[in-house]
């Protein structure tokens, strides 16, 4: 999948997100619910409630990039017992499990 450079922070939104949201909706979620700047050098990762779809939002110089991945049979690993709403979670981008 995606392997961001070491300079890019990766933030996982632990709440399930409506996958109908696109760039503007996800950027608004980053600003309003996560209280973060979507225009920084970071990747924001969003997942649906079935954990079979993820969207990644990244600002790059002059525009947003939106990645979307859907698993056919497996599920993404997703933390359940971490207290903060947002956590740095780099390994999730490259792995998934049943």
N, C-alpha and C. Protein backbone atom coordinates (compact mmCIF):
# COMPACT_ATOMS: atom_id res chain seq x y z
N UNK A 1 0.84 -1.18 0.00
CA UNK A 1 0.00 0.00 0.00
C UNK A 1 0.88 1.24 0.00
N UNK A 2 0.59 2.22 0.82
CA UNK A 2 1.31 3.48 0.84
C UNK A 2 2.38 3.45 1.91
N UNK A 3 3.55 3.93 1.59
CA UNK A 3 4.63 4.00 2.56
C UNK A 3 5.11 5.45 2.63
N UNK A 4 4.52 6.22 3.57
CA UNK A 4 4.92 7.63 3.66
C UNK A 4 6.34 7.78 4.17
N UNK A 5 6.95 8.90 3.84
CA UNK A 5 8.30 9.15 4.33
C UNK A 5 8.28 9.38 5.83
N UNK A 6 9.44 9.36 6.45
CA UNK A 6 9.54 9.54 7.89
C UNK A 6 9.12 10.94 8.34
N UNK A 7 9.15 11.91 7.43
CA UNK A 7 8.79 13.28 7.78
C UNK A 7 7.28 13.48 7.89
N UNK A 8 6.50 12.58 7.32
CA UNK A 8 5.05 12.71 7.32
C UNK A 8 4.46 11.98 8.51
N UNK A 9 3.68 12.71 9.32
CA UNK A 9 2.98 12.08 10.44
C UNK A 9 1.70 11.44 9.92
N UNK A 10 1.33 10.33 10.51
CA UNK A 10 0.10 9.62 10.12
C UNK A 10 -0.83 9.63 11.32
N UNK A 11 -2.05 10.13 11.12
CA UNK A 11 -3.04 10.21 12.19
C UNK A 11 -4.25 9.37 11.84
N UNK A 12 -4.63 8.54 12.76
CA UNK A 12 -5.75 7.63 12.58
C UNK A 12 -6.98 8.21 13.27
N UNK A 13 -8.05 8.38 12.55
CA UNK A 13 -9.31 8.80 13.15
C UNK A 13 -9.99 7.53 13.65
N UNK A 14 -10.09 7.39 14.96
CA UNK A 14 -10.63 6.15 15.53
C UNK A 14 -12.12 5.98 15.30
N UNK A 15 -12.85 7.08 15.16
CA UNK A 15 -14.29 7.00 14.94
C UNK A 15 -14.56 6.51 13.53
N UNK A 16 -15.61 5.73 13.38
CA UNK A 16 -15.99 5.28 12.05
C UNK A 16 -16.54 6.45 11.25
N UNK A 17 -16.22 6.47 9.96
CA UNK A 17 -16.56 7.59 9.10
C UNK A 17 -17.44 7.10 7.96
N UNK A 18 -18.40 7.92 7.59
CA UNK A 18 -19.24 7.65 6.43
C UNK A 18 -18.37 7.73 5.18
N UNK A 19 -18.23 6.63 4.46
CA UNK A 19 -17.33 6.59 3.30
C UNK A 19 -17.88 7.37 2.11
N UNK A 20 -19.07 7.94 2.23
CA UNK A 20 -19.56 8.81 1.16
C UNK A 20 -18.87 10.17 1.20
N UNK A 21 -18.21 10.47 2.33
CA UNK A 21 -17.49 11.74 2.44
C UNK A 21 -16.32 11.74 1.46
N UNK A 22 -16.12 12.88 0.83
CA UNK A 22 -14.99 13.03 -0.08
C UNK A 22 -14.01 14.04 0.52
N UNK A 23 -13.23 14.68 -0.30
CA UNK A 23 -12.15 15.55 0.18
C UNK A 23 -12.67 16.64 1.11
N UNK A 24 -13.67 17.40 0.67
CA UNK A 24 -14.15 18.51 1.48
C UNK A 24 -14.74 18.04 2.81
N UNK A 25 -15.52 16.96 2.79
CA UNK A 25 -16.11 16.44 4.02
C UNK A 25 -15.07 15.92 4.99
N UNK A 26 -14.06 15.24 4.49
CA UNK A 26 -13.01 14.71 5.36
C UNK A 26 -12.12 15.83 5.89
N UNK A 27 -11.82 16.83 5.07
CA UNK A 27 -11.03 17.97 5.53
C UNK A 27 -11.78 18.73 6.62
N UNK A 28 -13.09 18.88 6.47
CA UNK A 28 -13.91 19.53 7.50
C UNK A 28 -13.91 18.71 8.79
N UNK A 29 -13.97 17.39 8.66
CA UNK A 29 -13.92 16.52 9.84
C UNK A 29 -12.59 16.68 10.57
N UNK A 30 -11.50 16.77 9.84
CA UNK A 30 -10.17 16.97 10.44
C UNK A 30 -10.16 18.27 11.24
N UNK A 31 -10.69 19.33 10.66
CA UNK A 31 -10.69 20.64 11.33
C UNK A 31 -11.64 20.69 12.51
N UNK A 32 -12.88 20.23 12.32
CA UNK A 32 -13.91 20.42 13.33
C UNK A 32 -13.90 19.37 14.43
N UNK A 33 -13.72 18.11 14.10
CA UNK A 33 -13.78 17.05 15.11
C UNK A 33 -12.43 16.69 15.69
N UNK A 34 -11.39 16.73 14.86
CA UNK A 34 -10.06 16.35 15.34
C UNK A 34 -9.26 17.56 15.78
N UNK A 35 -9.76 18.77 15.46
CA UNK A 35 -9.09 20.03 15.82
C UNK A 35 -7.65 20.07 15.30
N UNK A 36 -7.48 19.66 14.05
CA UNK A 36 -6.17 19.66 13.43
C UNK A 36 -6.25 20.39 12.09
N UNK A 37 -5.08 20.71 11.54
CA UNK A 37 -4.99 21.42 10.28
C UNK A 37 -4.84 20.42 9.13
N UNK A 38 -5.82 20.31 8.24
CA UNK A 38 -5.71 19.35 7.14
C UNK A 38 -4.68 19.74 6.08
N UNK A 39 -4.14 20.97 6.16
CA UNK A 39 -3.18 21.45 5.16
C UNK A 39 -1.73 21.22 5.57
N UNK A 40 -1.48 20.53 6.67
CA UNK A 40 -0.12 20.25 7.12
C UNK A 40 0.46 19.04 6.43
N UNK A 41 1.69 18.73 6.78
CA UNK A 41 2.35 17.55 6.20
C UNK A 41 2.04 16.33 7.05
N UNK A 42 0.84 15.81 6.87
CA UNK A 42 0.40 14.62 7.60
C UNK A 42 -0.65 13.89 6.77
N UNK A 43 -0.81 12.64 7.08
CA UNK A 43 -1.81 11.80 6.43
C UNK A 43 -2.88 11.50 7.48
N UNK A 44 -4.14 11.67 7.10
CA UNK A 44 -5.26 11.34 7.98
C UNK A 44 -5.94 10.10 7.43
N UNK A 45 -6.15 9.10 8.29
CA UNK A 45 -6.70 7.82 7.88
C UNK A 45 -8.09 7.65 8.49
N UNK A 46 -9.07 7.29 7.65
CA UNK A 46 -10.46 7.13 8.06
C UNK A 46 -10.94 5.74 7.65
N UNK A 47 -11.78 5.14 8.49
CA UNK A 47 -12.27 3.79 8.22
C UNK A 47 -13.78 3.73 8.40
N UNK A 48 -14.44 2.80 7.70
CA UNK A 48 -15.87 2.60 7.88
C UNK A 48 -16.11 1.61 9.03
N UNK A 49 -17.39 1.42 9.40
CA UNK A 49 -17.67 0.58 10.58
C UNK A 49 -17.38 -0.89 10.34
N UNK A 50 -17.43 -1.37 9.11
CA UNK A 50 -17.09 -2.77 8.83
C UNK A 50 -15.58 -3.02 8.80
N UNK A 51 -14.80 -1.95 8.77
CA UNK A 51 -13.34 -2.00 8.71
C UNK A 51 -12.83 -2.66 7.43
N UNK A 52 -13.61 -2.58 6.36
CA UNK A 52 -13.15 -3.13 5.09
C UNK A 52 -12.80 -2.03 4.08
N UNK A 53 -12.99 -0.77 4.47
CA UNK A 53 -12.67 0.36 3.59
C UNK A 53 -11.92 1.42 4.38
N UNK A 54 -10.92 2.01 3.75
CA UNK A 54 -10.22 3.14 4.34
C UNK A 54 -10.03 4.23 3.29
N UNK A 55 -10.00 5.46 3.78
CA UNK A 55 -9.65 6.62 2.95
C UNK A 55 -8.52 7.34 3.66
N UNK A 56 -7.55 7.80 2.88
CA UNK A 56 -6.42 8.56 3.39
C UNK A 56 -6.43 9.92 2.73
N UNK A 57 -6.31 10.95 3.55
CA UNK A 57 -6.33 12.33 3.06
C UNK A 57 -4.98 12.97 3.32
N UNK A 58 -4.41 13.59 2.30
CA UNK A 58 -3.09 14.21 2.40
C UNK A 58 -3.08 15.48 1.59
N UNK A 59 -2.56 16.56 2.17
CA UNK A 59 -2.36 17.81 1.44
C UNK A 59 -0.96 17.77 0.84
N UNK A 60 -0.84 18.06 -0.45
CA UNK A 60 0.47 18.09 -1.10
C UNK A 60 0.60 19.37 -1.91
N UNK A 61 1.44 20.27 -1.49
CA UNK A 61 1.77 21.55 -2.11
C UNK A 61 0.57 22.40 -2.52
N UNK A 62 -0.20 21.95 -3.50
CA UNK A 62 -1.26 22.81 -4.03
C UNK A 62 -2.61 22.12 -4.13
N UNK A 63 -2.77 21.00 -3.47
CA UNK A 63 -4.05 20.30 -3.52
C UNK A 63 -4.07 19.05 -2.66
N UNK A 64 -5.28 18.55 -2.42
CA UNK A 64 -5.45 17.34 -1.62
C UNK A 64 -5.28 16.09 -2.49
N UNK A 65 -4.82 15.04 -1.86
CA UNK A 65 -4.79 13.70 -2.44
C UNK A 65 -5.70 12.84 -1.58
N UNK A 66 -6.55 12.05 -2.22
CA UNK A 66 -7.44 11.15 -1.49
C UNK A 66 -7.23 9.74 -2.01
N UNK A 67 -6.78 8.86 -1.12
CA UNK A 67 -6.63 7.44 -1.46
C UNK A 67 -7.79 6.68 -0.87
N UNK A 68 -8.20 5.63 -1.56
CA UNK A 68 -9.32 4.80 -1.12
C UNK A 68 -8.94 3.34 -1.34
N UNK A 69 -9.15 2.53 -0.32
CA UNK A 69 -8.87 1.10 -0.48
C UNK A 69 -10.02 0.31 0.11
N UNK A 70 -10.46 -0.72 -0.65
CA UNK A 70 -11.53 -1.61 -0.20
C UNK A 70 -11.01 -3.03 -0.21
N UNK A 71 -11.14 -3.70 0.93
CA UNK A 71 -10.75 -5.11 1.03
C UNK A 71 -11.95 -5.97 0.68
N UNK A 72 -11.74 -7.03 -0.05
CA UNK A 72 -12.84 -7.90 -0.45
C UNK A 72 -13.25 -8.89 0.64
N UNK A 73 -12.28 -9.45 1.38
CA UNK A 73 -12.63 -10.46 2.38
C UNK A 73 -12.04 -10.18 3.75
N UNK A 74 -10.98 -9.44 3.82
CA UNK A 74 -10.30 -9.21 5.09
C UNK A 74 -10.76 -7.92 5.74
N UNK A 75 -10.21 -7.63 6.93
CA UNK A 75 -10.54 -6.42 7.67
C UNK A 75 -9.26 -5.73 8.10
N UNK A 76 -9.30 -4.40 8.17
CA UNK A 76 -8.16 -3.65 8.67
C UNK A 76 -8.10 -3.75 10.18
N UNK A 77 -6.90 -3.78 10.73
CA UNK A 77 -6.72 -3.71 12.18
C UNK A 77 -7.13 -2.30 12.61
N UNK A 78 -7.83 -2.20 13.71
CA UNK A 78 -8.28 -0.89 14.18
C UNK A 78 -8.27 -0.89 15.69
N UNK A 79 -7.61 0.06 16.33
CA UNK A 79 -7.52 0.06 17.80
C UNK A 79 -8.89 0.33 18.44
N UNK A 80 -9.14 -0.33 19.56
CA UNK A 80 -10.42 -0.16 20.25
C UNK A 80 -10.26 0.52 21.60
N UNK A 81 -9.14 0.29 22.26
CA UNK A 81 -9.01 0.71 23.65
C UNK A 81 -7.98 1.82 23.86
N UNK A 82 -7.79 2.66 22.85
CA UNK A 82 -6.88 3.79 22.98
C UNK A 82 -7.74 5.01 23.30
N UNK A 83 -7.38 5.76 24.35
CA UNK A 83 -8.23 6.86 24.80
C UNK A 83 -8.31 8.06 23.85
N UNK A 84 -7.21 8.57 23.29
CA UNK A 84 -7.32 9.75 22.43
C UNK A 84 -8.09 9.44 21.14
N UNK A 85 -8.77 10.46 20.60
CA UNK A 85 -9.49 10.29 19.34
C UNK A 85 -8.53 10.09 18.17
N UNK A 86 -7.37 10.68 18.27
CA UNK A 86 -6.41 10.62 17.17
C UNK A 86 -5.11 10.03 17.71
N UNK A 87 -4.52 9.14 16.96
CA UNK A 87 -3.23 8.60 17.39
C UNK A 87 -2.36 8.40 16.16
N UNK A 88 -1.08 8.48 16.36
CA UNK A 88 -0.15 8.20 15.26
C UNK A 88 -0.13 6.69 15.08
N UNK A 89 -0.29 6.24 13.86
CA UNK A 89 -0.47 4.81 13.61
C UNK A 89 0.07 4.48 12.24
N UNK A 90 1.37 4.38 12.08
CA UNK A 90 2.00 4.20 10.77
C UNK A 90 1.86 2.79 10.21
N UNK A 91 1.88 1.75 11.03
CA UNK A 91 1.90 0.39 10.50
C UNK A 91 0.58 -0.02 9.87
N UNK A 92 -0.52 0.64 10.24
CA UNK A 92 -1.83 0.28 9.68
C UNK A 92 -1.86 0.50 8.17
N UNK A 93 -1.07 1.42 7.65
CA UNK A 93 -1.09 1.71 6.23
C UNK A 93 -0.59 0.53 5.40
N UNK A 94 0.23 -0.29 5.98
CA UNK A 94 0.87 -1.36 5.22
C UNK A 94 0.41 -2.76 5.58
N UNK A 95 -0.48 -2.88 6.58
CA UNK A 95 -0.91 -4.21 7.00
C UNK A 95 -2.42 -4.25 7.19
N UNK A 96 -2.97 -5.42 7.14
CA UNK A 96 -4.37 -5.65 7.46
C UNK A 96 -4.48 -7.09 7.93
N UNK A 97 -5.59 -7.42 8.57
CA UNK A 97 -5.77 -8.80 9.04
C UNK A 97 -7.25 -9.15 9.01
N UNK A 98 -7.54 -10.41 9.16
CA UNK A 98 -8.92 -10.89 9.18
C UNK A 98 -9.55 -10.56 10.50
